[in-house]
Amino acid sequence: MTTRWHYKVETVKLGPMGGLKSELMEERLQALGQQGWELVNAVHATHWGPTLLFLKRPA
């Protein structure tokens, strides 16, 4: 039997000075983990763009 998945993309925007607060990102990931989401990948493609978090959880 194959596992079906739900997928989610979270956008983490930069702060006013262009930086990411690791504490805030960690808190967000902890909250998502409590909801059953698992981080699959994180992409920070450009210096000023947002970071995209790709998550999944069983359907």
N, C-alpha and C. Protein backbone atom coordinates (compact mmCIF):
# COMPACT_ATOMS: atom_id res chain seq x y z
N MET A 1 0.85 -1.19 0.00
CA MET A 1 0.00 0.00 0.00
C MET A 1 0.89 1.24 0.00
N THR A 2 0.52 2.20 -0.81
CA THR A 2 1.30 3.43 -0.88
C THR A 2 0.75 4.47 0.09
N THR A 3 1.65 5.28 0.61
CA THR A 3 1.26 6.35 1.51
C THR A 3 0.88 7.58 0.70
N ARG A 4 -0.24 8.17 1.04
CA ARG A 4 -0.65 9.43 0.41
C ARG A 4 -0.19 10.58 1.31
N TRP A 5 0.18 11.68 0.67
CA TRP A 5 0.75 12.81 1.39
C TRP A 5 -0.03 14.09 1.13
N HIS A 6 -0.03 14.96 2.12
CA HIS A 6 -0.44 16.35 1.96
C HIS A 6 0.85 17.15 1.91
N TYR A 7 0.88 18.17 1.06
CA TYR A 7 2.07 19.00 0.92
C TYR A 7 1.73 20.44 1.26
N LYS A 8 2.72 21.16 1.75
CA LYS A 8 2.52 22.56 2.16
C LYS A 8 3.80 23.32 1.83
N VAL A 9 3.64 24.54 1.34
CA VAL A 9 4.78 25.43 1.12
C VAL A 9 4.58 26.65 2.02
N GLU A 10 5.51 26.86 2.93
CA GLU A 10 5.48 28.02 3.82
C GLU A 10 6.47 29.05 3.29
N THR A 11 6.07 30.29 3.27
CA THR A 11 6.95 31.38 2.86
C THR A 11 7.41 32.12 4.10
N VAL A 12 8.72 32.19 4.29
CA VAL A 12 9.29 32.93 5.41
C VAL A 12 9.91 34.19 4.85
N LYS A 13 9.30 35.33 5.18
CA LYS A 13 9.78 36.60 4.65
C LYS A 13 10.93 37.12 5.50
N LEU A 14 11.75 37.93 4.87
CA LEU A 14 12.89 38.53 5.55
C LEU A 14 12.44 39.64 6.48
N GLY A 15 13.26 39.91 7.48
CA GLY A 15 12.99 41.00 8.38
C GLY A 15 13.24 42.34 7.70
N PRO A 16 13.00 43.45 8.39
CA PRO A 16 13.15 44.77 7.79
C PRO A 16 14.58 45.08 7.35
N MET A 17 15.55 44.46 7.97
CA MET A 17 16.95 44.69 7.59
C MET A 17 17.47 43.59 6.66
N GLY A 18 16.59 42.73 6.18
CA GLY A 18 16.97 41.72 5.21
C GLY A 18 17.43 40.41 5.81
N GLY A 19 17.38 40.25 7.11
CA GLY A 19 17.87 39.02 7.72
C GLY A 19 16.75 38.13 8.20
N LEU A 20 17.10 36.87 8.40
CA LEU A 20 16.17 35.90 8.97
C LEU A 20 16.48 35.74 10.45
N LYS A 21 15.46 35.68 11.26
CA LYS A 21 15.65 35.41 12.68
C LYS A 21 15.52 33.91 12.88
N SER A 22 16.63 33.27 13.19
CA SER A 22 16.62 31.81 13.32
C SER A 22 15.69 31.36 14.44
N GLU A 23 15.55 32.16 15.50
CA GLU A 23 14.65 31.78 16.59
C GLU A 23 13.21 31.73 16.11
N LEU A 24 12.81 32.71 15.30
CA LEU A 24 11.44 32.74 14.79
C LEU A 24 11.18 31.59 13.84
N MET A 25 12.17 31.28 12.99
CA MET A 25 12.00 30.16 12.06
C MET A 25 11.92 28.84 12.83
N GLU A 26 12.75 28.70 13.86
CA GLU A 26 12.72 27.48 14.66
C GLU A 26 11.38 27.32 15.37
N GLU A 27 10.84 28.41 15.90
CA GLU A 27 9.53 28.36 16.55
C GLU A 27 8.45 27.94 15.56
N ARG A 28 8.51 28.49 14.35
CA ARG A 28 7.51 28.14 13.32
C ARG A 28 7.62 26.67 12.94
N LEU A 29 8.86 26.18 12.77
CA LEU A 29 9.05 24.77 12.42
C LEU A 29 8.59 23.86 13.55
N GLN A 30 8.82 24.25 14.80
CA GLN A 30 8.35 23.46 15.94
C GLN A 30 6.82 23.38 15.94
N ALA A 31 6.17 24.51 15.68
CA ALA A 31 4.70 24.53 15.65
C ALA A 31 4.17 23.64 14.52
N LEU A 32 4.80 23.72 13.35
CA LEU A 32 4.37 22.87 12.24
C LEU A 32 4.62 21.40 12.54
N GLY A 33 5.73 21.09 13.20
CA GLY A 33 6.02 19.72 13.58
C GLY A 33 4.98 19.17 14.54
N GLN A 34 4.50 20.01 15.46
CA GLN A 34 3.45 19.58 16.39
C GLN A 34 2.15 19.26 15.65
N GLN A 35 1.96 19.85 14.48
CA GLN A 35 0.77 19.59 13.66
C GLN A 35 0.97 18.39 12.74
N GLY A 36 2.16 17.77 12.81
CA GLY A 36 2.42 16.59 12.00
C GLY A 36 3.18 16.85 10.71
N TRP A 37 3.57 18.09 10.46
CA TRP A 37 4.31 18.42 9.24
C TRP A 37 5.77 18.08 9.40
N GLU A 38 6.37 17.58 8.33
CA GLU A 38 7.79 17.24 8.29
C GLU A 38 8.47 18.09 7.22
N LEU A 39 9.57 18.74 7.60
CA LEU A 39 10.31 19.56 6.65
C LEU A 39 11.02 18.67 5.65
N VAL A 40 10.78 18.92 4.36
CA VAL A 40 11.40 18.15 3.29
C VAL A 40 12.57 18.91 2.70
N ASN A 41 12.39 20.23 2.51
CA ASN A 41 13.43 21.04 1.89
C ASN A 41 13.20 22.50 2.23
N ALA A 42 14.26 23.28 2.21
CA ALA A 42 14.17 24.73 2.38
C ALA A 42 15.00 25.37 1.28
N VAL A 43 14.43 26.38 0.62
CA VAL A 43 15.12 27.04 -0.49
C VAL A 43 15.15 28.54 -0.23
N HIS A 44 16.34 29.08 -0.29
CA HIS A 44 16.54 30.53 -0.20
C HIS A 44 17.24 30.93 -1.49
N ALA A 45 16.45 31.22 -2.52
CA ALA A 45 16.97 31.36 -3.88
C ALA A 45 17.71 32.67 -4.13
N THR A 46 17.24 33.75 -3.54
CA THR A 46 17.88 35.04 -3.79
C THR A 46 18.21 35.71 -2.46
N HIS A 47 19.12 36.66 -2.53
CA HIS A 47 19.56 37.35 -1.31
C HIS A 47 18.42 38.10 -0.62
N TRP A 48 17.54 38.72 -1.39
CA TRP A 48 16.47 39.53 -0.81
C TRP A 48 15.11 38.85 -0.83
N GLY A 49 15.02 37.69 -1.46
CA GLY A 49 13.74 37.00 -1.55
C GLY A 49 13.42 36.19 -0.31
N PRO A 50 12.21 35.68 -0.24
CA PRO A 50 11.81 34.88 0.92
C PRO A 50 12.44 33.49 0.88
N THR A 51 12.41 32.84 2.02
CA THR A 51 12.81 31.43 2.11
C THR A 51 11.55 30.60 2.00
N LEU A 52 11.58 29.57 1.18
CA LEU A 52 10.44 28.67 1.02
C LEU A 52 10.72 27.38 1.77
N LEU A 53 9.78 26.97 2.60
CA LEU A 53 9.87 25.72 3.34
C LEU A 53 8.88 24.74 2.72
N PHE A 54 9.36 23.59 2.30
CA PHE A 54 8.52 22.56 1.70
C PHE A 54 8.30 21.47 2.75
N LEU A 55 7.03 21.21 3.06
CA LEU A 55 6.68 20.27 4.12
C LEU A 55 5.72 19.22 3.60
N LYS A 56 5.66 18.09 4.31
CA LYS A 56 4.69 17.04 3.97
C LYS A 56 4.23 16.37 5.26
N ARG A 57 3.05 15.75 5.17
CA ARG A 57 2.54 14.91 6.26
C ARG A 57 1.62 13.88 5.66
N PRO A 58 1.47 12.74 6.31
CA PRO A 58 0.58 11.71 5.77
C PRO A 58 -0.85 12.24 5.67
N ALA A 59 -1.54 11.84 4.62
CA ALA A 59 -2.92 12.27 4.39
C ALA A 59 -3.86 11.59 5.37
